[in-house]
C-alpha atoms as a PDB file:
ATOM      1  CA  MET A   1      84.598 106.876 100.295  1.00  0.00           C
ATOM      2  CA  ASN A   2      82.730 103.688  99.537  1.00  0.00           C
ATOM      3  CA  MET A   3      85.393 101.025  99.450  1.00  0.00           C
ATOM      4  CA  GLN A   4      83.218  97.920  99.495  1.00  0.00           C
ATOM      5  CA  THR A   5      84.424  94.560 100.645  1.00  0.00           C
ATOM      6  CA  ASP A   6      83.161  91.304  99.283  1.00  0.00           C
ATOM      7  CA  SER A   7      80.700  89.642 101.647  1.00  0.00           C
ATOM      8  CA  GLY A   8      82.554  86.329 101.179  1.00  0.00           C
ATOM      9  CA  ALA A   9      85.908  87.826 102.134  1.00  0.00           C
ATOM     10  CA  ASP A  10      87.702  86.533 105.194  1.00  0.00           C
ATOM     11  CA  PRO A  11      87.837  88.734 108.304  1.00  0.00           C
ATOM     12  CA  ASP A  12      91.556  89.539 107.849  1.00  0.00           C
ATOM     13  CA  SER A  13      90.894  90.793 104.340  1.00  0.00           C
ATOM     14  CA  LYS A  14      88.000  92.915 105.544  1.00  0.00           C
ATOM     15  CA  GLU A  15      90.140  94.416 108.298  1.00  0.00           C
ATOM     16  CA  LEU A  16      92.918  95.132 105.781  1.00  0.00           C
ATOM     17  CA  LEU A  17      90.505  96.903 103.413  1.00  0.00           C
ATOM     18  CA  ALA A  18      89.048  98.918 106.305  1.00  0.00           C
ATOM     19  CA  ASN A  19      92.545  99.991 107.439  1.00  0.00           C
ATOM     20  CA  ILE A  20      93.536 100.985 103.933  1.00  0.00           C
ATOM     21  CA  LYS A  21      90.298 102.959 103.622  1.00  0.00           C
ATOM     22  CA  ARG A  22      91.043 104.745 106.904  1.00  0.00           C
ATOM     23  CA  LEU A  23      94.595 105.567 105.805  1.00  0.00           C
ATOM     24  CA  THR A  24      93.442 106.826 102.444  1.00  0.00           C
ATOM     25  CA  ARG A  25      90.790 109.045 103.985  1.00  0.00           C
ATOM     26  CA  ILE A  26      93.268 110.578 106.434  1.00  0.00           C
ATOM     27  CA  VAL A  27      95.861 111.262 103.791  1.00  0.00           C
ATOM     28  CA  LEU A  28      93.380 112.716 101.308  1.00  0.00           C
ATOM     29  CA  ASP A  29      91.864 114.919 103.992  1.00  0.00           C
ATOM     30  CA  LYS A  30      95.308 116.182 105.005  1.00  0.00           C
ATOM     31  CA  LEU A  31      96.156 116.862 101.368  1.00  0.00           C
ATOM     32  CA  GLU A  32      92.889 118.708 100.800  1.00  0.00           C
ATOM     33  CA  GLU A  33      93.180 120.703 104.023  1.00  0.00           C
ATOM     34  CA  GLY A  34      96.779 121.681 103.374  1.00  0.00           C
ATOM     35  CA  SER A  35      95.953 122.658  99.806  1.00  0.00           C
ATOM     36  CA  LYS A  36      93.097 124.891 100.887  1.00  0.00           C
ATOM     37  CA  GLU A  37      95.033 126.549 103.656  1.00  0.00           C
ATOM     38  CA  GLY A  38      98.262 126.771 101.636  1.00  0.00           C
ATOM     39  CA  SER A  39     100.131 125.178 104.491  1.00  0.00           C
ATOM     40  CA  LEU A  40     101.725 122.431 102.359  1.00  0.00           C
ATOM     41  CA  ASP A  41     104.902 122.991 100.453  1.00  0.00           C
ATOM     42  CA  PRO A  42     105.233 121.205  97.132  1.00  0.00           C
ATOM     43  CA  ALA A  43     107.321 118.361  98.646  1.00  0.00           C
ATOM     44  CA  GLN A  44     104.690 117.669 101.302  1.00  0.00           C
ATOM     45  CA  ALA A  45     101.899 117.757  98.692  1.00  0.00           C
ATOM     46  CA  ARG A  46     103.838 115.233  96.522  1.00  0.00           C
ATOM     47  CA  LEU A  47     104.412 113.041  99.586  1.00  0.00           C
ATOM     48  CA  TYR A  48     100.719 113.000 100.575  1.00  0.00           C
ATOM     49  CA  GLY A  49      99.752 112.392  96.939  1.00  0.00           C
ATOM     50  CA  SER A  50     102.120 109.471  96.597  1.00  0.00           C
ATOM     51  CA  ILE A  51     100.965 107.966  99.889  1.00  0.00           C
ATOM     52  CA  ALA A  52      97.321 108.274  98.742  1.00  0.00           C
ATOM     53  CA  THR A  53      98.144 106.683  95.362  1.00  0.00           C
ATOM     54  CA  ARG A  54     100.052 103.842  97.007  1.00  0.00           C
ATOM     55  CA  SER A  55      97.231 103.185  99.487  1.00  0.00           C
ATOM     56  CA  LEU A  56      94.710 103.052  96.640  1.00  0.00           C
ATOM     57  CA  CYS A  57      97.008 100.603  94.789  1.00  0.00           C
ATOM     58  CA  LEU A  58      97.158  98.477  97.965  1.00  0.00           C
ATOM     59  CA  TRP A  59      93.413  98.574  98.224  1.00  0.00           C
ATOM     60  CA  LEU A  60      92.961  97.380  94.618  1.00  0.00           C
ATOM     61  CA  GLU A  61      95.557  94.676  95.212  1.00  0.00           C
ATOM     62  CA  ALA A  62      93.849  93.544  98.443  1.00  0.00           C
ATOM     63  CA  ARG A  63      90.490  93.327  96.714  1.00  0.00           C
ATOM     64  CA  ASN A  64      91.836  91.356  93.789  1.00  0.00           C
ATOM     65  CA  PRO A  65      95.251  89.798  94.542  1.00  0.00           C
ATOM     66  CA  ARG A  66      95.869  88.259  91.111  1.00  0.00           C
ATOM     67  CA  PRO A  67      98.349  90.094  88.855  1.00  0.00           C
ATOM     68  CA  ARG A  68      96.831  93.009  86.950  1.00  0.00           C
ATOM     69  CA  ARG A  69      97.914  94.518  83.680  1.00  0.00           C
ATOM     70  CA  ARG A  70      95.746  97.651  83.835  1.00  0.00           C
ATOM     71  CA  VAL A  71      96.579  98.811  87.330  1.00  0.00           C
ATOM     72  CA  GLY A  72      97.320 102.368  86.214  1.00  0.00           C
ATOM     73  CA  ARG A  73      94.027 102.674  84.273  1.00  0.00           C
ATOM     74  CA  ASP A  74      92.086 100.999  87.078  1.00  0.00           C
ATOM     75  CA  LEU A  75      93.689 103.231  89.633  1.00  0.00           C
ATOM     76  CA  HIS A  76      92.816 106.369  87.650  1.00  0.00           C
ATOM     77  CA  ASP A  77      89.246 105.233  87.304  1.00  0.00           C
ATOM     78  CA  GLU A  78      89.093 104.373  91.049  1.00  0.00           C
ATOM     79  CA  ILE A  79      90.548 107.786  92.028  1.00  0.00           C
ATOM     80  CA  ASP A  80      87.905 109.560  89.962  1.00  0.00           C
ATOM     81  CA  ARG A  81      85.166 107.459  91.554  1.00  0.00           C
ATOM     82  CA  LEU A  82      86.460 107.966  95.083  1.00  0.00           C
ATOM     83  CA  TYR A  83      86.875 111.731  94.561  1.00  0.00           C
ATOM     84  CA  SER A  84      83.282 111.919  93.341  1.00  0.00           C
ATOM     85  CA  GLU A  85      82.052 109.946  96.380  1.00  0.00           C
ATOM     86  CA  MET A  86      84.071 112.096  98.790  1.00  0.00           C
ATOM     87  CA  THR A  87      82.698 115.244  97.202  1.00  0.00           C
ATOM     88  CA  GLN A  88      79.146 113.961  97.516  1.00  0.00           C
ATOM     89  CA  GLU A  89      79.666 112.897 101.160  1.00  0.00           C
ATOM     90  CA  LYS A  90      81.083 116.349 102.115  1.00  0.00           C
ATOM     91  CA  GLU A  91      78.230 118.150 100.318  1.00  0.00           C
ATOM     92  CA  GLY A  92      75.665 115.884 101.978  1.00  0.00           C
ATOM     93  CA  GLY A  93      77.291 116.244 105.408  1.00  0.00           C
ATOM     94  CA  SER A  94      77.689 120.010 105.310  1.00  0.00           C
END
């Protein structure tokens, strides 16, 4: 996951973005692992999915705090980009 911070961002903002990145990675890894193993029931899968979605929304909001009209579209695009990066990282690391 390549969630970049702005070089001019204050240290608190950078820490917030790093924490959100860590949370998102943990949740997405748990979701992927549980899906592959079949150890997640549908309620758990929905819970992990909603936590991941919320953390990505928080990340977008932290990067650009002004009100956004296209959050849903931006989030969809960001999820696609992050999934692609995670897939490339796992293929490169394996």
